[in-house]
N, C-alpha and C. Protein backbone atom coordinates (compact mmCIF):
# COMPACT_ATOMS: atom_id res chain seq x y z
N MET A 1 -30.10 24.06 -33.80
CA MET A 1 -31.24 23.55 -35.52
C MET A 1 -31.66 24.46 -35.87
N ALA A 2 -31.96 25.12 -37.33
CA ALA A 2 -32.42 25.94 -37.97
C ALA A 2 -33.73 26.63 -37.66
N ALA A 3 -34.41 25.79 -36.81
CA ALA A 3 -35.92 26.22 -36.51
C ALA A 3 -36.35 26.87 -35.35
N LEU A 4 -34.83 27.22 -34.15
CA LEU A 4 -35.58 28.27 -33.46
C LEU A 4 -34.24 29.66 -33.57
N VAL A 5 -34.70 30.83 -34.11
CA VAL A 5 -34.05 31.65 -33.86
C VAL A 5 -33.87 32.64 -32.68
N MET A 6 -33.66 34.16 -32.61
CA MET A 6 -33.69 34.97 -31.64
C MET A 6 -34.35 36.01 -32.19
N ASP A 7 -35.40 36.44 -31.41
CA ASP A 7 -35.58 38.21 -31.79
C ASP A 7 -37.16 38.25 -31.09
N GLY A 8 -37.50 39.29 -31.30
CA GLY A 8 -39.12 39.63 -30.90
C GLY A 8 -39.71 40.19 -29.60
N ASN A 9 -40.78 39.95 -28.95
CA ASN A 9 -41.42 40.82 -27.43
C ASN A 9 -42.61 39.39 -27.55
N SER A 10 -43.17 39.78 -26.32
CA SER A 10 -44.61 38.94 -26.22
C SER A 10 -45.30 40.03 -25.23
N THR A 11 -46.73 39.88 -25.76
CA THR A 11 -47.13 40.29 -24.84
C THR A 11 -48.21 39.39 -24.46
N PRO A 12 -49.15 40.20 -22.73
CA PRO A 12 -50.35 39.00 -22.89
C PRO A 12 -51.65 38.81 -23.28
N ALA A 13 -52.22 38.37 -22.28
CA ALA A 13 -53.29 37.60 -23.14
C ALA A 13 -54.44 37.44 -22.32
N ASP A 14 -55.69 37.22 -22.99
CA ASP A 14 -56.98 36.75 -21.82
C ASP A 14 -56.85 35.20 -22.14
N ASP A 15 -57.80 34.62 -21.24
CA ASP A 15 -57.91 33.11 -21.32
C ASP A 15 -58.54 32.91 -22.57
N GLY A 16 -58.80 32.22 -23.64
CA GLY A 16 -59.34 31.52 -24.41
C GLY A 16 -60.50 31.05 -24.38
N ASP A 17 -61.60 30.96 -25.09
CA ASP A 17 -62.86 30.16 -25.42
C ASP A 17 -62.45 28.57 -25.41
N ARG A 18 -64.08 28.40 -25.70
CA ARG A 18 -63.80 26.93 -26.07
C ARG A 18 -63.20 26.53 -27.71
N ASP A 19 -62.96 28.12 -28.11
CA ASP A 19 -62.27 27.47 -29.80
C ASP A 19 -60.81 27.44 -29.42
N HIS A 20 -60.20 27.88 -28.31
CA HIS A 20 -59.00 27.77 -28.06
C HIS A 20 -58.37 26.52 -27.50
N THR A 21 -58.48 25.62 -28.54
CA THR A 21 -58.54 24.23 -28.08
C THR A 21 -56.86 24.04 -28.38
N ALA A 22 -55.97 23.07 -27.88
CA ALA A 22 -54.45 23.20 -28.51
C ALA A 22 -54.46 23.63 -29.68
N SER A 23 -55.17 22.09 -30.32
CA SER A 23 -55.15 21.78 -32.07
C SER A 23 -55.40 23.59 -32.94
N HIS A 24 -56.61 23.78 -32.15
CA HIS A 24 -57.38 25.32 -32.77
C HIS A 24 -55.96 25.87 -33.26
N VAL A 25 -55.29 26.79 -31.51
CA VAL A 25 -54.51 27.49 -31.10
C VAL A 25 -52.86 27.04 -32.43
N LEU A 26 -52.64 25.79 -32.41
CA LEU A 26 -51.76 25.61 -33.32
C LEU A 26 -51.76 25.50 -34.95
N ARG A 27 -52.95 25.16 -35.08
CA ARG A 27 -53.50 25.06 -36.65
C ARG A 27 -53.29 26.66 -37.41
N SER A 28 -53.71 27.82 -35.76
CA SER A 28 -53.96 29.24 -36.58
C SER A 28 -52.25 29.91 -36.60
N LEU A 29 -51.89 29.12 -35.46
CA LEU A 29 -50.40 30.09 -35.26
C LEU A 29 -49.52 28.91 -36.72
N ALA A 30 -49.97 28.04 -37.27
CA ALA A 30 -49.24 27.68 -38.66
C ALA A 30 -49.49 27.86 -39.63
N ALA A 31 -50.85 28.67 -40.20
CA ALA A 31 -51.41 29.37 -40.59
C ALA A 31 -50.72 30.70 -41.51
N ARG A 32 -50.07 30.63 -39.94
CA ARG A 32 -49.82 32.69 -40.21
C ARG A 32 -48.75 32.89 -41.77
N ASN A 33 -48.87 34.00 -41.88
CA ASN A 33 -47.54 33.93 -42.90
C ASN A 33 -46.37 34.52 -42.76
N GLU A 34 -46.21 34.88 -41.50
CA GLU A 34 -44.39 35.66 -41.22
C GLU A 34 -43.62 33.98 -41.75
N PRO A 35 -42.36 34.15 -41.94
CA PRO A 35 -41.88 33.13 -41.83
C PRO A 35 -41.46 32.63 -40.57
N SER A 36 -41.48 32.83 -39.20
CA SER A 36 -40.85 32.49 -37.77
C SER A 36 -42.15 33.45 -37.29
N ILE A 37 -42.17 32.48 -36.21
CA ILE A 37 -43.62 33.11 -34.77
C ILE A 37 -42.50 32.88 -33.42
N SER A 38 -42.74 34.62 -33.10
CA SER A 38 -42.03 34.25 -31.84
C SER A 38 -43.12 33.67 -30.32
N PHE A 39 -42.13 32.81 -29.53
CA PHE A 39 -42.45 32.10 -28.35
C PHE A 39 -43.08 33.07 -27.67
N GLY A 40 -43.14 34.33 -27.84
CA GLY A 40 -43.75 35.41 -26.92
C GLY A 40 -45.54 35.00 -27.17
N THR A 41 -45.45 35.45 -28.84
CA THR A 41 -46.83 35.20 -29.49
C THR A 41 -47.52 33.73 -28.96
N ILE A 42 -47.21 32.78 -29.28
CA ILE A 42 -47.53 31.87 -29.37
C ILE A 42 -48.42 31.83 -27.61
N LEU A 43 -46.96 31.94 -26.71
CA LEU A 43 -47.91 31.76 -25.16
C LEU A 43 -49.03 33.04 -25.13
N ALA A 44 -48.81 34.46 -25.03
CA ALA A 44 -50.42 35.24 -25.62
C ALA A 44 -51.29 34.29 -26.64
N ALA A 45 -51.22 33.51 -27.07
CA ALA A 45 -52.65 32.36 -27.88
C ALA A 45 -52.69 31.38 -26.51
N ALA A 46 -51.89 31.16 -25.98
CA ALA A 46 -52.54 29.91 -25.23
C ALA A 46 -53.05 30.58 -23.98
N GLY A 47 -53.03 31.75 -23.50
CA GLY A 47 -54.00 32.41 -22.67
C GLY A 47 -53.23 31.61 -21.16
N ALA A 48 -54.59 30.89 -20.48
CA ALA A 48 -53.98 31.02 -18.90
C ALA A 48 -53.22 30.25 -18.86
N ARG A 49 -53.77 28.40 -19.64
CA ARG A 49 -53.06 27.63 -19.60
C ARG A 49 -51.42 27.56 -20.41
N VAL A 50 -50.68 28.30 -19.74
CA VAL A 50 -49.65 29.03 -20.93
C VAL A 50 -48.45 27.81 -21.01
N HIS A 51 -48.35 26.82 -19.37
CA HIS A 51 -46.93 25.90 -20.07
C HIS A 51 -47.57 25.06 -20.47
N GLY A 52 -48.87 24.36 -20.31
CA GLY A 52 -49.31 23.34 -21.21
C GLY A 52 -49.06 23.72 -22.15
N LEU A 53 -49.57 24.30 -23.30
CA LEU A 53 -49.47 24.59 -24.71
C LEU A 53 -47.93 25.08 -24.68
N ALA A 54 -46.94 25.65 -23.91
CA ALA A 54 -46.00 25.81 -24.67
C ALA A 54 -45.53 24.60 -24.47
N LEU A 55 -45.52 23.75 -23.66
CA LEU A 55 -44.65 22.50 -22.99
C LEU A 55 -44.84 21.37 -24.67
N LEU A 56 -46.46 21.65 -25.11
CA LEU A 56 -47.21 20.95 -26.35
C LEU A 56 -46.16 20.89 -27.39
N LEU A 57 -46.19 22.39 -27.79
CA LEU A 57 -45.91 23.13 -28.85
C LEU A 57 -44.18 22.62 -28.89
N ILE A 58 -43.80 23.26 -27.84
CA ILE A 58 -42.13 22.99 -28.38
C ILE A 58 -42.12 21.37 -28.07
N VAL A 59 -42.59 20.17 -27.62
CA VAL A 59 -42.25 19.06 -28.04
C VAL A 59 -42.17 18.45 -29.41
N LEU A 60 -43.37 18.70 -29.52
CA LEU A 60 -44.37 18.52 -30.97
C LEU A 60 -43.35 17.80 -31.74
N PRO A 61 -42.15 18.42 -32.13
CA PRO A 61 -41.29 17.85 -33.68
C PRO A 61 -40.64 16.76 -33.10
N GLU A 62 -40.10 16.84 -31.38
CA GLU A 62 -40.02 15.58 -30.78
C GLU A 62 -40.22 14.14 -31.14
N THR A 63 -41.97 14.10 -31.37
CA THR A 63 -42.87 13.10 -30.85
C THR A 63 -42.86 12.08 -32.40
N LEU A 64 -41.86 12.98 -33.62
CA LEU A 64 -41.77 12.18 -34.68
C LEU A 64 -40.17 11.86 -34.91
N PRO A 65 -39.86 10.34 -34.69
CA PRO A 65 -39.01 9.59 -34.85
C PRO A 65 -37.55 9.55 -36.02
N LEU A 66 -37.32 11.16 -36.04
CA LEU A 66 -36.38 11.69 -36.95
C LEU A 66 -35.12 11.76 -35.92
N PRO A 67 -34.09 11.53 -36.65
CA PRO A 67 -32.67 11.32 -36.17
C PRO A 67 -32.11 12.35 -36.86
N LEU A 68 -32.50 13.02 -35.61
CA LEU A 68 -32.07 14.68 -35.35
C LEU A 68 -31.46 15.18 -33.81
N PRO A 69 -30.46 14.46 -33.47
CA PRO A 69 -30.37 14.39 -31.79
C PRO A 69 -29.95 15.79 -31.78
N SER A 70 -29.40 16.32 -32.81
CA SER A 70 -29.08 17.84 -32.34
C SER A 70 -30.09 18.97 -31.93
N ALA A 71 -31.20 18.30 -32.69
CA ALA A 71 -32.39 19.23 -32.56
C ALA A 71 -33.17 19.05 -30.74
N SER A 72 -33.32 17.85 -30.61
CA SER A 72 -33.47 17.44 -29.65
C SER A 72 -32.90 17.78 -28.29
N THR A 73 -31.43 18.41 -28.39
CA THR A 73 -30.99 18.80 -27.23
C THR A 73 -30.91 20.18 -27.33
N ILE A 74 -31.16 21.16 -28.37
CA ILE A 74 -31.54 22.21 -27.87
C ILE A 74 -33.30 22.72 -27.64
N LEU A 75 -34.05 21.84 -28.30
CA LEU A 75 -35.37 21.72 -28.21
C LEU A 75 -35.88 21.48 -26.46
N ALA A 76 -34.64 20.92 -26.12
CA ALA A 76 -34.23 20.24 -24.20
C ALA A 76 -34.69 21.53 -23.16
N ILE A 77 -34.09 22.49 -23.82
CA ILE A 77 -33.57 23.28 -23.14
C ILE A 77 -34.93 23.81 -22.75
N PRO A 78 -35.28 24.81 -23.34
CA PRO A 78 -36.66 25.12 -23.22
C PRO A 78 -38.00 24.52 -22.35
N LEU A 79 -37.54 23.81 -23.07
CA LEU A 79 -38.87 22.79 -22.02
C LEU A 79 -37.90 22.62 -20.60
N PHE A 80 -36.81 22.32 -20.82
CA PHE A 80 -36.54 22.03 -18.89
C PHE A 80 -37.40 23.14 -18.40
N LEU A 81 -36.79 25.01 -18.93
CA LEU A 81 -37.10 25.89 -18.31
C LEU A 81 -38.38 25.87 -17.83
N ILE A 82 -39.69 25.77 -18.69
CA ILE A 82 -40.92 25.80 -18.80
C ILE A 82 -41.22 24.55 -17.74
N SER A 83 -40.76 23.56 -17.58
CA SER A 83 -40.92 22.82 -16.50
C SER A 83 -40.57 22.60 -15.50
N LEU A 84 -39.81 23.93 -15.10
CA LEU A 84 -39.42 23.96 -14.13
C LEU A 84 -40.05 25.08 -13.49
N HIS A 85 -40.20 26.29 -14.47
CA HIS A 85 -41.12 27.26 -13.41
C HIS A 85 -42.31 25.73 -13.17
N LEU A 86 -43.02 25.21 -13.86
CA LEU A 86 -44.39 24.54 -13.46
C LEU A 86 -44.30 24.20 -12.42
N ALA A 87 -43.58 23.40 -12.02
CA ALA A 87 -42.96 22.48 -10.93
C ALA A 87 -42.90 23.94 -9.80
N VAL A 88 -42.16 24.90 -9.87
CA VAL A 88 -42.26 25.57 -8.90
C VAL A 88 -43.05 26.79 -8.40
N PHE A 89 -43.74 27.21 -9.22
CA PHE A 89 -44.87 28.33 -9.25
C PHE A 89 -46.16 27.95 -9.97
N GLY A 90 -46.25 26.37 -10.73
CA GLY A 90 -47.85 26.07 -11.08
C GLY A 90 -48.15 27.32 -11.93
N GLU A 91 -49.50 26.34 -12.73
CA GLU A 91 -49.61 26.49 -14.04
C GLU A 91 -50.42 28.21 -13.31
N GLY A 92 -50.69 28.96 -12.66
CA GLY A 92 -51.03 29.64 -11.80
C GLY A 92 -50.12 30.93 -11.63
N GLY A 93 -48.66 30.48 -11.55
CA GLY A 93 -47.86 31.56 -11.55
C GLY A 93 -47.21 32.26 -12.75
N GLY A 94 -48.14 32.72 -13.79
CA GLY A 94 -47.79 33.77 -14.14
C GLY A 94 -46.70 32.98 -15.27
N TRP A 95 -45.78 34.02 -16.00
CA TRP A 95 -45.04 33.93 -17.06
C TRP A 95 -43.77 34.72 -17.39
N SER A 96 -43.00 35.06 -16.63
CA SER A 96 -41.70 36.09 -17.47
C SER A 96 -40.93 35.83 -17.91
N SER A 97 -40.69 35.55 -18.89
CA SER A 97 -39.07 35.06 -19.29
C SER A 97 -39.07 35.68 -20.78
N PRO A 98 -37.76 37.16 -20.92
CA PRO A 98 -38.49 37.71 -21.95
C PRO A 98 -37.24 37.09 -22.87
N ARG A 99 -36.22 36.37 -22.05
CA ARG A 99 -35.21 35.88 -23.27
C ARG A 99 -36.17 34.24 -24.07
N LEU A 100 -36.95 33.62 -23.36
CA LEU A 100 -37.68 32.54 -23.87
C LEU A 100 -38.62 32.94 -25.01
N ASP A 101 -39.21 34.39 -24.44
CA ASP A 101 -40.36 35.29 -25.11
C ASP A 101 -39.76 34.95 -26.45
N ALA A 102 -38.24 35.86 -26.49
CA ALA A 102 -37.54 36.11 -27.80
C ALA A 102 -37.31 34.84 -29.15
N ILE A 103 -37.44 33.69 -28.39
CA ILE A 103 -37.40 32.52 -29.23
C ILE A 103 -38.12 32.62 -30.24
N ARG A 104 -37.80 32.33 -31.91
CA ARG A 104 -38.83 32.16 -32.59
C ARG A 104 -38.67 31.06 -33.20
N ILE A 105 -40.36 30.37 -33.94
CA ILE A 105 -39.78 29.14 -33.92
C ILE A 105 -40.22 28.81 -35.74
N ARG A 106 -39.50 28.67 -36.98
CA ARG A 106 -39.50 28.53 -38.07
C ARG A 106 -41.16 28.52 -38.64
N ARG A 107 -41.97 28.61 -38.86
CA ARG A 107 -43.65 28.50 -39.56
C ARG A 107 -43.43 26.90 -39.77
N THR A 108 -42.86 27.03 -40.94
CA THR A 108 -42.63 25.57 -42.02
C THR A 108 -42.34 24.15 -40.91
N ALA A 109 -41.47 24.95 -39.89
CA ALA A 109 -41.45 23.87 -38.78
C ALA A 109 -42.67 23.00 -38.19
N LEU A 110 -43.16 24.69 -37.68
CA LEU A 110 -44.28 24.35 -36.47
C LEU A 110 -45.52 23.54 -37.67
N ALA A 111 -45.30 23.61 -39.06
CA ALA A 111 -46.47 23.76 -40.04
C ALA A 111 -46.30 21.77 -40.32
N ALA A 112 -45.05 21.90 -40.70
CA ALA A 112 -44.99 20.31 -40.39
C ALA A 112 -45.44 19.27 -39.71
N ALA A 113 -44.81 19.77 -38.15
CA ALA A 113 -45.15 19.51 -36.83
C ALA A 113 -47.15 19.25 -36.89
N VAL A 114 -48.02 20.26 -36.60
CA VAL A 114 -48.68 20.50 -37.07
C VAL A 114 -49.79 19.39 -37.55
N ARG A 115 -48.77 19.10 -39.49
CA ARG A 115 -49.80 18.65 -40.61
C ARG A 115 -50.12 16.66 -39.70
N TYR A 116 -48.89 16.62 -39.17
CA TYR A 116 -48.87 15.27 -38.73
C TYR A 116 -49.61 15.22 -37.37
N VAL A 117 -49.74 15.91 -36.63
CA VAL A 117 -49.90 15.60 -34.95
C VAL A 117 -51.70 16.03 -34.45
N ALA A 118 -51.83 17.87 -35.62
CA ALA A 118 -53.47 18.16 -35.15
C ALA A 118 -54.52 17.03 -35.05
N PRO A 119 -54.23 16.55 -36.16
CA PRO A 119 -55.59 15.29 -35.81
C PRO A 119 -55.77 14.19 -34.80
N VAL A 120 -54.44 14.19 -34.40
CA VAL A 120 -54.22 12.83 -33.24
C VAL A 120 -55.06 14.22 -32.42
N LEU A 121 -54.26 15.21 -32.12
CA LEU A 121 -55.11 16.11 -30.75
C LEU A 121 -56.17 16.53 -30.89
N GLU A 122 -56.93 16.81 -32.43
CA GLU A 122 -58.04 17.19 -32.02
C GLU A 122 -59.02 15.51 -32.30
N TRP A 123 -58.39 14.31 -32.22
CA TRP A 123 -59.14 13.37 -32.10
C TRP A 123 -59.00 13.05 -30.16
N LEU A 124 -58.08 12.75 -29.78
CA LEU A 124 -57.82 13.56 -28.26
C LEU A 124 -58.80 14.62 -27.56
N GLU A 125 -58.92 15.24 -28.31
CA GLU A 125 -59.59 16.73 -27.42
C GLU A 125 -61.37 16.32 -27.45
N ALA A 126 -61.49 15.38 -28.42
CA ALA A 126 -63.12 15.01 -28.59
C ALA A 126 -63.20 14.23 -27.84
N LEU A 127 -62.56 13.06 -27.45
CA LEU A 127 -62.63 12.44 -26.26
C LEU A 127 -62.48 13.18 -24.71
N SER A 128 -61.46 14.00 -24.59
CA SER A 128 -61.35 14.24 -22.85
C SER A 128 -62.19 15.82 -22.79
N ARG A 129 -62.06 15.75 -21.44
CA ARG A 129 -62.83 16.72 -20.63
C ARG A 129 -62.65 16.89 -19.34
N PRO A 130 -62.23 17.91 -19.02
CA PRO A 130 -62.50 17.45 -17.20
C PRO A 130 -62.78 16.97 -16.38
N ARG A 131 -62.17 15.94 -15.74
CA ARG A 131 -62.11 14.23 -15.35
C ARG A 131 -61.06 14.19 -14.21
N TRP A 132 -61.06 13.10 -13.36
CA TRP A 132 -59.63 13.00 -12.23
C TRP A 132 -59.20 14.28 -11.61
N SER A 133 -59.93 14.96 -11.35
CA SER A 133 -59.43 16.30 -11.16
C SER A 133 -58.12 16.31 -10.56
N ALA A 134 -58.10 15.10 -9.09
CA ALA A 134 -57.32 15.51 -7.54
C ALA A 134 -56.17 15.15 -8.80
N ILE A 135 -55.90 14.09 -9.70
CA ILE A 135 -54.96 13.93 -10.68
C ILE A 135 -54.45 15.29 -11.55
N ALA A 136 -55.41 15.94 -12.47
CA ALA A 136 -54.93 16.65 -13.12
C ALA A 136 -54.39 18.20 -12.78
N ARG A 137 -54.84 18.20 -11.63
CA ARG A 137 -54.75 19.41 -11.17
C ARG A 137 -53.30 19.54 -10.28
N ARG A 138 -52.54 18.84 -10.09
CA ARG A 138 -51.33 18.31 -9.93
C ARG A 138 -50.39 18.61 -10.92
N GLU A 139 -50.10 19.89 -10.85
CA GLU A 139 -49.87 21.14 -12.03
C GLU A 139 -47.93 20.79 -11.44
N ARG A 140 -47.65 20.64 -10.06
CA ARG A 140 -46.12 21.12 -9.43
C ARG A 140 -45.80 19.44 -10.18
N LEU A 141 -46.72 18.61 -9.73
CA LEU A 141 -46.02 16.74 -10.53
C LEU A 141 -45.59 16.78 -11.37
N ILE A 142 -46.66 17.27 -12.55
CA ILE A 142 -46.35 16.94 -13.41
C ILE A 142 -45.42 17.97 -14.52
N GLY A 143 -45.14 18.80 -13.60
CA GLY A 143 -43.70 19.71 -13.80
C GLY A 143 -43.04 19.48 -13.69
N LEU A 144 -42.68 18.25 -12.54
CA LEU A 144 -41.23 17.49 -12.30
C LEU A 144 -41.28 16.07 -12.61
N VAL A 145 -42.60 15.75 -13.80
CA VAL A 145 -42.40 14.66 -14.37
C VAL A 145 -41.84 14.94 -15.49
N CYS A 146 -41.87 16.17 -16.60
CA CYS A 146 -41.91 17.11 -17.51
C CYS A 146 -40.13 17.30 -17.53
N LEU A 147 -40.25 17.72 -16.01
CA LEU A 147 -38.55 18.12 -16.23
C LEU A 147 -37.24 16.98 -16.32
N TYR A 148 -38.04 16.02 -15.43
CA TYR A 148 -37.32 14.55 -15.43
C TYR A 148 -37.37 13.79 -17.31
N LEU A 149 -37.98 14.09 -18.38
CA LEU A 149 -38.23 13.69 -19.53
C LEU A 149 -36.93 14.92 -20.30
N SER A 150 -37.73 16.52 -20.05
CA SER A 150 -36.38 17.29 -20.64
C SER A 150 -34.79 16.35 -20.64
N ALA A 151 -34.55 16.34 -18.98
CA ALA A 151 -33.09 15.12 -19.10
C ALA A 151 -33.46 14.62 -20.47
N VAL A 152 -34.16 13.76 -20.27
CA VAL A 152 -34.25 12.49 -21.34
C VAL A 152 -33.52 13.08 -22.34
N LEU A 153 -34.30 14.12 -22.85
CA LEU A 153 -34.56 14.46 -24.42
C LEU A 153 -32.90 14.89 -24.25
N PHE A 154 -32.68 15.75 -23.49
CA PHE A 154 -30.99 16.62 -23.50
C PHE A 154 -29.86 15.38 -24.07
N LEU A 155 -30.24 14.11 -24.05
CA LEU A 155 -29.41 13.11 -24.43
C LEU A 155 -29.12 12.98 -25.78
N PRO A 156 -28.10 12.96 -26.52
CA PRO A 156 -28.29 12.66 -28.20
C PRO A 156 -28.65 11.68 -28.64
N LEU A 157 -29.42 10.97 -28.63
CA LEU A 157 -29.92 10.00 -28.79
C LEU A 157 -30.43 9.49 -29.84
N PRO A 158 -30.11 9.34 -31.73
CA PRO A 158 -31.15 9.17 -32.33
C PRO A 158 -31.85 8.04 -32.08
N PHE A 159 -33.44 8.33 -32.57
CA PHE A 159 -34.96 7.68 -32.76
C PHE A 159 -35.26 6.88 -31.00
N VAL A 160 -34.29 7.47 -29.80
CA VAL A 160 -35.02 8.00 -28.53
C VAL A 160 -36.11 8.45 -28.02
N ASN A 161 -36.27 9.51 -28.98
CA ASN A 161 -36.33 11.14 -28.75
C ASN A 161 -37.95 10.86 -28.17
N ALA A 162 -38.67 9.58 -29.35
CA ALA A 162 -40.19 9.76 -29.95
C ALA A 162 -40.14 9.35 -27.92
N PRO A 163 -40.60 8.41 -27.92
CA PRO A 163 -41.14 8.24 -26.88
C PRO A 163 -41.30 8.81 -25.41
N PRO A 164 -39.98 9.65 -24.93
CA PRO A 164 -40.11 10.79 -24.16
C PRO A 164 -41.45 12.15 -24.26
N ALA A 165 -41.08 12.13 -25.50
CA ALA A 165 -41.69 13.16 -26.13
C ALA A 165 -43.66 12.86 -26.54
N ILE A 166 -43.78 11.61 -26.45
CA ILE A 166 -44.99 11.73 -26.51
C ILE A 166 -45.78 11.29 -25.07
N CYS A 167 -44.67 10.95 -24.05
CA CYS A 167 -45.37 11.28 -23.02
C CYS A 167 -45.53 12.47 -22.29
N MET A 168 -44.41 13.75 -22.83
CA MET A 168 -44.87 14.75 -22.90
C MET A 168 -46.27 15.59 -22.87
N ALA A 169 -45.91 15.07 -24.40
CA ALA A 169 -46.96 16.00 -24.54
C ALA A 169 -48.35 15.43 -24.83
N LEU A 170 -48.69 14.14 -23.71
CA LEU A 170 -50.05 13.66 -23.16
C LEU A 170 -49.99 13.99 -21.76
N LEU A 171 -49.07 14.77 -21.37
CA LEU A 171 -49.09 15.33 -19.52
C LEU A 171 -49.56 17.51 -20.04
N ALA A 172 -48.71 17.21 -21.28
CA ALA A 172 -49.33 18.61 -21.66
C ALA A 172 -50.39 19.14 -21.90
N LEU A 173 -50.58 18.07 -22.71
CA LEU A 173 -52.27 18.05 -23.24
C LEU A 173 -53.57 17.68 -22.11
N GLY A 174 -53.34 16.73 -21.02
CA GLY A 174 -54.10 16.80 -19.99
C GLY A 174 -54.46 17.71 -19.10
N LEU A 175 -52.73 18.71 -19.07
CA LEU A 175 -52.52 19.80 -18.10
C LEU A 175 -53.80 20.95 -19.16
N ILE A 176 -53.81 20.95 -20.61
CA ILE A 176 -54.61 21.75 -21.46
C ILE A 176 -56.02 21.58 -20.78
N GLN A 177 -56.36 20.25 -21.05
CA GLN A 177 -57.75 19.99 -20.78
C GLN A 177 -58.47 19.55 -19.38
N ARG A 178 -57.33 19.73 -18.68
CA ARG A 178 -57.83 19.13 -17.23
C ARG A 178 -58.49 18.01 -17.12
N ASP A 179 -57.86 17.15 -18.04
CA ASP A 179 -58.01 15.45 -18.24
C ASP A 179 -57.11 14.68 -17.39
N GLY A 180 -57.36 13.89 -16.50
CA GLY A 180 -56.79 13.93 -15.53
C GLY A 180 -56.10 11.80 -16.15
N VAL A 181 -57.22 11.74 -16.99
CA VAL A 181 -56.90 10.26 -17.91
C VAL A 181 -55.86 10.26 -18.39
N ILE A 182 -55.53 11.59 -19.22
CA ILE A 182 -54.37 11.68 -20.13
C ILE A 182 -53.45 12.09 -19.15
N VAL A 183 -53.21 12.87 -18.21
CA VAL A 183 -52.56 12.73 -17.33
C VAL A 183 -51.80 12.07 -17.05
N THR A 184 -53.26 10.63 -16.56
CA THR A 184 -52.18 8.96 -15.76
C THR A 184 -51.98 8.86 -17.20
N LEU A 185 -52.11 8.34 -17.95
CA LEU A 185 -51.39 7.85 -19.35
C LEU A 185 -50.05 8.00 -19.68
N GLY A 186 -49.68 9.46 -19.64
CA GLY A 186 -48.95 10.08 -19.76
C GLY A 186 -47.20 9.74 -18.35
N LEU A 187 -48.32 9.75 -17.25
CA LEU A 187 -47.11 9.60 -15.95
C LEU A 187 -46.71 7.73 -16.66
N ALA A 188 -47.82 7.10 -16.96
CA ALA A 188 -48.35 5.57 -16.89
C ALA A 188 -46.58 5.16 -17.91
N GLY A 189 -47.07 6.26 -19.11
CA GLY A 189 -45.80 6.25 -20.36
C GLY A 189 -44.71 6.42 -19.69
N SER A 190 -44.48 8.15 -18.65
CA SER A 190 -42.82 7.87 -17.94
C SER A 190 -42.08 7.18 -17.36
N ALA A 191 -42.94 5.85 -17.00
CA ALA A 191 -42.29 5.30 -15.51
C ALA A 191 -42.04 4.11 -16.78
N ALA A 192 -42.81 3.65 -17.70
CA ALA A 192 -42.17 2.75 -19.27
C ALA A 192 -41.14 3.17 -19.67
N VAL A 193 -41.04 4.35 -20.06
CA VAL A 193 -39.86 5.10 -20.46
C VAL A 193 -38.67 4.75 -19.90
N THR A 194 -38.59 4.91 -18.35
CA THR A 194 -38.13 5.23 -17.25
C THR A 194 -37.48 3.21 -16.93
N VAL A 195 -38.56 2.36 -17.07
CA VAL A 195 -37.79 1.08 -16.65
C VAL A 195 -37.15 0.42 -18.04
N ALA A 196 -37.36 1.52 -19.55
CA ALA A 196 -36.77 1.12 -20.76
C ALA A 196 -35.32 1.32 -20.81
N LEU A 197 -35.13 2.86 -20.21
CA LEU A 197 -34.26 3.44 -20.20
C LEU A 197 -32.61 2.77 -19.23
N ALA A 198 -33.66 2.09 -18.15
CA ALA A 198 -32.58 0.62 -17.13
C ALA A 198 -32.30 -0.04 -17.85
N TRP A 199 -33.51 -0.50 -18.43
CA TRP A 199 -33.02 -2.07 -19.29
C TRP A 199 -31.36 -1.81 -20.13
N ILE A 200 -31.65 -0.40 -21.16
CA ILE A 200 -31.23 -0.04 -21.66
C ILE A 200 -29.75 -0.06 -21.13
N VAL A 201 -29.01 0.68 -20.42
CA VAL A 201 -28.02 0.94 -19.51
C VAL A 201 -27.63 -0.79 -18.97
N LEU A 202 -28.08 -1.17 -18.83
CA LEU A 202 -27.83 -2.56 -18.09
C LEU A 202 -27.63 -3.16 -19.04
N LEU A 203 -27.69 -3.49 -20.43
CA LEU A 203 -28.14 -4.09 -21.25
C LEU A 203 -26.27 -3.55 -22.08
N ALA A 204 -26.24 -2.34 -22.03
CA ALA A 204 -25.08 -1.87 -22.54
C ALA A 204 -23.81 -2.34 -21.90
N GLY A 205 -24.05 -2.05 -20.06
CA GLY A 205 -23.33 -1.87 -19.28
C GLY A 205 -22.85 -3.67 -19.23
N GLY A 206 -23.91 -4.47 -19.51
CA GLY A 206 -23.79 -5.75 -19.76
C GLY A 206 -22.46 -6.55 -20.93
N LEU A 207 -22.91 -5.75 -21.92
CA LEU A 207 -21.64 -5.56 -23.23
C LEU A 207 -20.38 -5.01 -23.14
N VAL A 208 -20.32 -4.16 -22.38
CA VAL A 208 -19.43 -3.76 -22.32
C VAL A 208 -18.30 -4.44 -21.25
N GLY A 209 -19.19 -5.01 -20.27
CA GLY A 209 -18.43 -5.99 -19.49
C GLY A 209 -17.84 -7.21 -19.95
N GLY A 210 -18.53 -7.44 -21.05
CA GLY A 210 -18.63 -9.18 -21.90
C GLY A 210 -17.23 -9.00 -22.56
N THR A 211 -17.07 -8.07 -22.77
CA THR A 211 -16.21 -7.70 -23.65
C THR A 211 -14.68 -7.49 -23.18
N GLY A 212 -14.87 -6.92 -22.15
CA GLY A 212 -13.87 -6.62 -21.48
C GLY A 212 -12.59 -7.50 -20.50
């Protein structure tokens, strides 16, 4: 997809303050003048909760039901790697991936996604707060579920990518906000996506068997 190209370096950053919510960081990045933004710059802006914001940013274009299966396949690769890192090391495991840091995202693509999604994020952030910490801090579990959702997004299925992408966005936002309620919604949605996929597979198998 034209939204992703390779280049650039990353630098570390300290954890942000109350202004460094996901919506604030995304709007700030989308307002830049550069034609593209390096993934390392995005991770530097994320601060300590780097995995959550990285997942949220990359999955945002997939939350819109657009008929771009090739885009989902490309985006699923960094989502898979970030989810794997989160599942193995947790949020406190740091980040070291020059290859991923060198990925650049077209600012126009980011701005388009932020224009539609940022108002929803701001509404959720206003409602969210640190709660249900036993669930919100199950970072490796969240990473495993995001790993599974990344595999689902890798499937070249048009108009089917939005539900798993929305589930991953909820998990990422819950991780950023330390909100176990939002994480639970993402987990419940992921279970619903699994049931729906199983039904689709069974239905397709029945149709193939009926025509054989």
